[in-house]
Amino acid sequence: MSARQQGLLVSERFLARNGAALDAAAREAGLSLERIVVPDQPEARVDASACTRIELAYFSGDVFPARSPAFFAAAFAAPKLRWLQVFNAGVDHPVFQRFIANGVRVTTAAGTSAEPIAQTAIAGMLMLARGFPLWLDAQRRAAWQPHAAASVPADLRGQTLVIFGLGSIGGEIARLARAIGLYVIGVRRSPATPADPVDELHPPARLRELLPRADWLALTCALTDETRGAIDADALALLPRGARVLNVSRGSVVDEPALIAALREERLGGAYLDVAAVEPLPSTSPLWTLPNVIVTPHNSSASLGNERRQTELFLRNLVRYGRGEPLANEVHA
């Protein structure tokens, strides 16, 4: 008996690039798929009758941002939707929470961009540690300006990095940081394993007692009710004078006005920020012009390899879905 056909909502571009691989995964999974396509054309929408047949959906990176409204209009109009795979690592946005509240299984692409994000965070660390903001300012002024004695940077080796959120991104940052010679302290809920690339691991309840030890604080946690505003003025005050912050998590994890005040007063030595409380970061924000801050536009994950890794994860999950096996990166309410 042939398998019952199930509607899969995908983008036109995804099918053009990965149609054969999708067919192979469907055969392995024992699924018969009807491809229901989000067209590339700007004003095009998925036919209402097709929406009634959608049971599975893949929100791939090529859909965002231009075709996101068409994709989500179709997905929300799909009464039979049972599973949504997204290219995002985090699903704190209300649109994803709505699916979860409606009983749709949601799986993320967590881990697929861990390497580029970690490499970018480490690049931010190295730029701050080696004094690149001063050198780049001198370059813009065409000034040959070596470090003065008071600004000669300290060795990174032997400094302490506290990572709040030791998931795939935090773990990769930890691995790279230890290779440079830092002492790494991880913070997460789950217990330690032999594979963890850290020197110490502690639960989130101990974060504040760890902050006075941190030369560097890396924020790589998911945005949840527990982590929102976790790094407030009191937490920042616990960091040693001259400590630096690396945030590749979410801007709302940090009290941004308190962070700006600590940077202005030079209680903190600097920050690399890929995220902000309001995005895009308003042009009036002091973070743009503070001399000890490096800002990037929530783009630390940028890498040509992400699409391949995200596609491979989706296809592996499709096989698992067809076989009734647990899905990777499933979000639980």
Protein backbone atom coordinates (compact mmCIF):
# COMPACT_ATOMS: atom_id res chain seq x y z
CA MET A 1 0.00 0.00 0.00
CA SER A 2 1.40 3.38 -0.96
CA ALA A 3 1.93 6.02 1.73
CA ARG A 4 -0.69 8.70 2.20
CA GLN A 5 0.40 11.93 0.52
CA GLN A 6 1.26 14.80 2.85
CA GLY A 7 1.63 18.45 1.82
CA LEU A 8 5.06 20.01 2.43
CA LEU A 9 5.30 23.81 2.31
CA VAL A 10 8.69 24.85 0.91
CA SER A 11 10.16 27.68 -1.13
CA GLU A 12 10.57 27.59 -4.88
CA ARG A 13 14.28 28.29 -4.48
CA PHE A 14 14.74 25.45 -1.98
CA LEU A 15 13.20 22.99 -4.43
CA ALA A 16 15.35 24.23 -7.30
CA ARG A 17 18.48 23.62 -5.27
CA ASN A 18 17.52 20.54 -3.26
CA GLY A 19 14.65 18.76 -5.05
CA ALA A 20 16.58 15.54 -5.68
CA ALA A 21 17.86 15.38 -2.08
CA LEU A 22 14.31 15.97 -0.82
CA ASP A 23 13.02 13.08 -2.94
CA ALA A 24 15.75 10.79 -1.59
CA ALA A 25 14.98 11.73 2.03
CA ALA A 26 11.24 11.20 1.47
CA ARG A 27 11.89 7.72 0.07
CA GLU A 28 14.11 6.89 3.05
CA ALA A 29 11.42 8.19 5.40
CA GLY A 30 8.63 6.29 3.65
CA LEU A 31 6.77 9.54 2.95
CA SER A 32 4.80 10.60 -0.08
CA LEU A 33 5.09 14.39 -0.32
CA GLU A 34 3.05 16.91 -2.23
CA ARG A 35 5.30 19.93 -2.78
CA ILE A 36 3.36 23.09 -1.99
CA VAL A 37 5.51 25.97 -3.10
CA VAL A 38 5.99 29.51 -1.83
CA PRO A 39 6.79 31.28 -5.12
CA ASP A 40 9.65 33.74 -5.51
CA GLN A 41 7.42 36.39 -7.06
CA PRO A 42 6.97 39.33 -4.63
CA GLU A 43 3.17 39.42 -4.55
CA ALA A 44 2.47 35.72 -5.07
CA ARG A 45 0.61 33.75 -2.42
CA VAL A 46 -0.07 30.06 -1.88
CA ASP A 47 -3.50 29.01 -3.09
CA ALA A 48 -6.04 28.67 -0.27
CA SER A 49 -7.03 25.14 -1.30
CA ALA A 50 -3.39 24.05 -1.20
CA CYS A 51 -3.06 25.42 2.32
CA THR A 52 -5.66 22.91 3.53
CA ARG A 53 -3.29 20.09 2.48
CA ILE A 54 -0.16 21.38 4.25
CA GLU A 55 0.99 19.10 7.07
CA LEU A 56 4.75 19.83 7.07
CA ALA A 57 6.63 23.08 6.44
CA TYR A 58 10.24 24.17 6.08
CA PHE A 59 10.99 27.85 6.72
CA SER A 60 14.33 27.99 4.90
CA GLY A 61 16.77 30.88 4.97
CA ASP A 62 16.06 31.93 1.39
CA VAL A 63 12.48 32.80 2.39
CA PHE A 64 13.62 35.43 4.92
CA PRO A 65 12.83 38.27 4.89
CA ALA A 66 11.09 39.08 1.59
CA ARG A 67 8.94 35.96 1.33
CA SER A 68 8.32 35.46 5.06
CA PRO A 69 4.81 37.03 4.98
CA ALA A 70 3.71 34.69 2.16
CA PHE A 71 5.20 31.67 3.92
CA PHE A 72 3.59 32.38 7.28
CA ALA A 73 0.27 33.34 5.73
CA ALA A 74 0.15 29.88 4.18
CA ALA A 75 1.35 28.12 7.32
CA PHE A 76 -1.21 29.85 9.54
CA ALA A 77 -3.91 29.00 7.02
CA ALA A 78 -2.99 25.30 7.21
CA PRO A 79 -5.35 23.58 9.67
CA LYS A 80 -3.50 20.25 9.32
CA LEU A 81 0.02 21.63 9.95
CA ARG A 82 1.80 19.25 12.32
CA TRP A 83 5.52 20.08 12.04
CA LEU A 84 7.49 23.23 11.21
CA GLN A 85 11.26 23.17 10.72
CA VAL A 86 12.91 26.62 10.78
CA PHE A 87 16.35 27.80 9.73
CA ASN A 88 16.58 29.92 12.89
CA ALA A 89 18.56 28.85 15.93
CA GLY A 90 16.20 30.68 18.30
CA VAL A 91 12.40 30.85 18.28
CA ASP A 92 11.73 33.63 20.78
CA HIS A 93 9.90 35.64 18.10
CA PRO A 94 6.10 35.67 18.71
CA VAL A 95 5.38 34.14 15.29
CA PHE A 96 7.04 30.88 16.33
CA GLN A 97 5.46 30.94 19.77
CA ARG A 98 2.07 31.10 18.06
CA PHE A 99 2.75 27.84 16.24
CA ILE A 100 3.89 26.17 19.46
CA ALA A 101 0.78 27.41 21.29
CA ASN A 102 -1.33 25.91 18.48
CA GLY A 103 0.23 22.49 19.07
CA VAL A 104 2.52 22.48 16.02
CA ARG A 105 5.84 20.72 16.54
CA VAL A 106 8.63 23.24 15.92
CA THR A 107 12.27 22.29 15.35
CA THR A 108 15.14 24.72 14.98
CA ALA A 109 18.47 24.77 13.17
CA ALA A 110 20.39 25.25 16.42
CA GLY A 111 24.03 24.31 15.94
CA THR A 112 24.19 24.75 12.17
CA SER A 113 25.73 28.22 12.46
CA ALA A 114 27.66 27.61 15.68
CA GLU A 115 31.08 27.70 14.00
CA PRO A 116 30.73 31.04 12.19
CA ILE A 117 29.07 32.69 15.20
CA ALA A 118 31.80 31.42 17.52
CA GLN A 119 34.53 32.49 15.11
CA THR A 120 33.00 35.98 14.90
CA ALA A 121 32.76 36.23 18.69
CA ILE A 122 36.39 35.17 19.02
CA ALA A 123 37.32 37.70 16.33
CA GLY A 124 35.59 40.38 18.44
CA MET A 125 37.50 39.19 21.47
CA LEU A 126 40.83 39.29 19.64
CA MET A 127 40.15 42.77 18.24
CA LEU A 128 39.36 44.11 21.69
CA ALA A 129 42.19 42.23 23.36
CA ARG A 130 44.79 43.39 20.85
CA GLY A 131 43.63 47.00 20.77
CA PHE A 132 42.24 47.11 17.24
CA PRO A 133 39.74 49.90 18.04
CA LEU A 134 42.68 52.24 18.72
CA TRP A 135 44.57 51.11 15.64
CA LEU A 136 41.52 51.43 13.39
CA ASP A 137 40.79 54.91 14.69
CA ALA A 138 44.39 55.88 13.94
CA GLN A 139 44.09 54.38 10.45
CA ARG A 140 40.99 56.47 9.70
CA ARG A 141 43.00 59.54 10.69
CA ALA A 142 46.04 58.39 8.66
CA ALA A 143 48.02 58.49 11.92
CA TRP A 144 50.98 56.19 12.59
CA GLN A 145 50.16 55.59 16.25
CA PRO A 146 51.65 52.61 18.08
CA HIS A 147 50.21 51.69 21.46
CA ALA A 148 51.33 53.99 24.22
CA ALA A 149 52.76 52.35 27.31
CA ALA A 150 49.44 52.79 29.14
CA SER A 151 47.48 50.99 26.41
CA VAL A 152 49.76 48.01 25.70
CA PRO A 153 47.41 45.00 25.80
CA ALA A 154 47.70 42.20 28.32
CA ASP A 155 48.26 38.61 27.26
CA LEU A 156 45.07 36.66 26.68
CA ARG A 157 46.65 33.47 27.94
CA GLY A 158 45.59 32.89 31.51
CA GLN A 159 42.60 35.24 31.40
CA THR A 160 39.19 33.89 32.40
CA LEU A 161 36.17 33.64 30.12
CA VAL A 162 32.71 33.00 31.57
CA ILE A 163 30.22 31.71 28.98
CA PHE A 164 26.54 32.14 29.90
CA GLY A 165 24.80 29.45 27.84
CA LEU A 166 27.03 26.50 26.99
CA GLY A 167 25.12 25.16 23.99
CA SER A 168 26.50 24.57 20.52
CA ILE A 169 27.65 28.19 20.08
CA GLY A 170 28.97 28.56 23.60
CA GLY A 171 30.74 25.22 23.33
CA GLU A 172 32.51 26.24 20.13
CA ILE A 173 33.55 29.57 21.66
CA ALA A 174 34.87 27.62 24.66
CA ARG A 175 36.88 25.29 22.44
CA LEU A 176 38.48 28.15 20.51
CA ALA A 177 39.12 30.19 23.65
CA ARG A 178 40.92 27.33 25.36
CA ALA A 179 43.08 26.89 22.26
CA ILE A 180 44.15 30.51 22.69
CA GLY A 181 44.98 29.84 26.33
CA LEU A 182 42.01 31.19 28.27
CA TYR A 183 40.57 29.55 31.36
CA VAL A 184 36.94 28.84 30.50
CA ILE A 185 33.97 28.61 32.87
CA GLY A 186 30.69 27.43 31.37
CA VAL A 187 27.21 28.14 32.72
CA ARG A 188 24.21 25.96 31.79
CA ARG A 189 21.45 23.90 33.34
CA SER A 190 22.47 20.41 32.22
CA PRO A 191 25.26 18.56 34.04
CA ALA A 192 28.83 18.28 32.85
CA THR A 193 29.95 15.67 30.34
CA PRO A 194 33.49 14.53 29.49
CA ALA A 195 33.17 16.22 26.08
CA ASP A 196 32.54 19.73 27.48
CA PRO A 197 35.45 22.00 26.43
CA VAL A 198 35.51 23.93 29.69
CA ASP A 199 37.62 24.03 32.83
CA GLU A 200 34.57 24.44 35.07
CA LEU A 201 30.81 24.11 34.59
CA HIS A 202 28.18 25.65 36.88
CA PRO A 203 24.38 26.04 36.89
CA PRO A 204 22.78 29.43 36.09
CA ALA A 205 21.99 29.99 39.76
CA ARG A 206 25.74 30.50 40.37
CA LEU A 207 26.29 33.01 37.55
CA ARG A 208 26.56 36.07 39.78
CA GLU A 209 29.17 34.54 42.04
CA LEU A 210 31.23 33.71 38.93
CA LEU A 211 31.12 37.23 37.45
CA PRO A 212 33.86 38.69 39.69
CA ARG A 213 36.24 36.11 38.15
CA ALA A 214 35.45 37.06 34.54
CA ASP A 215 37.90 38.99 32.39
CA TRP A 216 35.46 38.21 29.58
CA LEU A 217 31.72 37.47 29.70
CA ALA A 218 30.29 35.78 26.59
CA LEU A 219 26.50 35.70 26.27
CA THR A 220 25.31 32.78 24.14
CA CYS A 221 22.10 31.81 25.93
CA ALA A 222 18.64 31.58 24.45
CA LEU A 223 16.23 34.41 25.27
CA THR A 224 13.76 33.08 27.84
CA ASP A 225 11.88 34.49 30.81
CA GLU A 226 14.86 33.39 32.92
CA THR A 227 17.53 35.04 30.80
CA ARG A 228 15.72 38.26 29.79
CA GLY A 229 17.50 41.09 31.62
CA ALA A 230 19.77 38.63 33.44
CA ILE A 231 22.79 40.88 32.90
CA ASP A 232 21.45 43.95 34.65
CA ALA A 233 23.26 46.84 36.34
CA ASP A 234 23.97 44.76 39.44
CA ALA A 235 25.43 41.90 37.38
CA LEU A 236 27.59 44.30 35.37
CA ALA A 237 28.84 45.85 38.61
CA LEU A 238 30.09 42.42 39.72
CA LEU A 239 32.47 42.19 36.77
CA PRO A 240 36.04 43.29 37.47
CA ARG A 241 36.99 46.76 36.28
CA GLY A 242 38.18 46.46 32.69
CA ALA A 243 36.24 43.27 31.93
CA ARG A 244 34.71 42.93 28.47
CA VAL A 245 31.38 41.61 27.22
CA LEU A 246 30.72 39.57 24.07
CA ASN A 247 27.02 39.28 23.15
CA VAL A 248 25.94 36.97 20.32
CA SER A 249 22.74 35.98 22.14
CA ARG A 250 19.92 38.53 22.21
CA GLY A 251 20.05 42.19 23.10
CA SER A 252 17.34 41.79 25.73
CA VAL A 253 19.57 39.52 27.83
CA VAL A 254 21.41 42.72 28.84
CA ASP A 255 20.18 45.92 30.44
CA GLU A 256 21.40 48.09 27.56
CA PRO A 257 21.34 51.47 29.35
CA ALA A 258 23.33 49.95 32.21
CA LEU A 259 25.80 48.48 29.71
CA ILE A 260 26.22 51.86 28.00
CA ALA A 261 26.80 53.54 31.37
CA ALA A 262 29.44 50.99 32.36
CA LEU A 263 31.23 51.44 29.03
CA ARG A 264 31.07 55.25 29.17
CA GLU A 265 32.47 55.27 32.68
CA GLU A 266 35.18 52.79 31.60
CA ARG A 267 34.20 50.36 34.33
CA LEU A 268 34.03 47.88 31.46
CA GLY A 269 36.98 47.66 29.10
CA GLY A 270 34.88 47.10 25.98
CA ALA A 271 32.20 45.08 24.27
CA TYR A 272 31.57 43.17 21.07
CA LEU A 273 27.83 43.31 20.33
CA ASP A 274 26.15 41.46 17.48
CA VAL A 275 22.70 42.09 18.96
CA ALA A 276 20.83 45.00 20.45
CA ALA A 277 17.69 45.59 22.49
CA VAL A 278 16.11 47.28 19.45
CA GLU A 279 17.13 46.11 15.99
CA PRO A 280 18.25 47.69 13.77
CA LEU A 281 20.25 49.56 16.40
CA PRO A 282 18.96 53.17 16.29
CA SER A 283 21.37 55.66 14.75
CA THR A 284 21.16 57.70 17.96
CA SER A 285 22.51 54.90 20.14
CA PRO A 286 25.80 55.72 21.89
CA LEU A 287 26.94 52.17 21.11
CA TRP A 288 27.77 53.27 17.55
CA THR A 289 30.39 55.76 18.69
CA LEU A 290 31.79 54.51 21.98
CA PRO A 291 35.50 53.94 21.31
CA ASN A 292 35.67 50.60 23.11
CA VAL A 293 32.68 48.99 21.37
CA ILE A 294 32.48 46.89 18.20
CA VAL A 295 28.97 46.59 16.73
CA THR A 296 27.85 44.17 14.01
CA PRO A 297 24.28 44.01 12.59
CA HIS A 298 23.08 40.69 14.06
CA ASN A 299 25.12 39.05 11.35
CA SER A 300 27.71 37.01 13.21
CA SER A 301 26.30 33.81 11.70
CA ALA A 302 26.91 34.91 8.09
CA SER A 303 28.52 32.03 6.20
CA LEU A 304 28.05 30.39 2.82
CA GLY A 305 28.02 26.99 4.55
CA ASN A 306 24.92 27.64 6.63
CA GLU A 307 22.39 26.78 3.92
CA ARG A 308 23.96 23.36 3.35
CA ARG A 309 24.07 22.59 7.07
CA GLN A 310 20.48 23.74 7.57
CA THR A 311 19.26 21.70 4.62
CA GLU A 312 21.05 18.59 5.84
CA LEU A 313 19.46 18.99 9.28
CA PHE A 314 15.98 19.43 7.81
CA LEU A 315 16.36 16.33 5.63
CA ARG A 316 17.63 14.26 8.56
CA ASN A 317 14.65 15.42 10.60
CA LEU A 318 12.32 14.58 7.71
CA VAL A 319 13.57 11.00 7.80
CA ARG A 320 13.12 10.88 11.56
CA TYR A 321 9.62 12.32 11.22
CA GLY A 322 8.62 9.67 8.70
CA ARG A 323 9.99 6.91 10.93
CA GLY A 324 8.34 8.26 14.07
CA GLU A 325 11.70 8.94 15.73
CA PRO A 326 12.50 11.91 18.00
CA LEU A 327 13.26 15.11 16.08
CA ALA A 328 16.49 17.02 16.55
CA ASN A 329 16.19 20.45 18.17
CA GLU A 330 12.49 20.17 18.97
CA VAL A 331 11.20 23.08 21.02
CA HIS A 332 9.07 22.14 23.99
CA ALA A 333 6.56 24.61 25.43
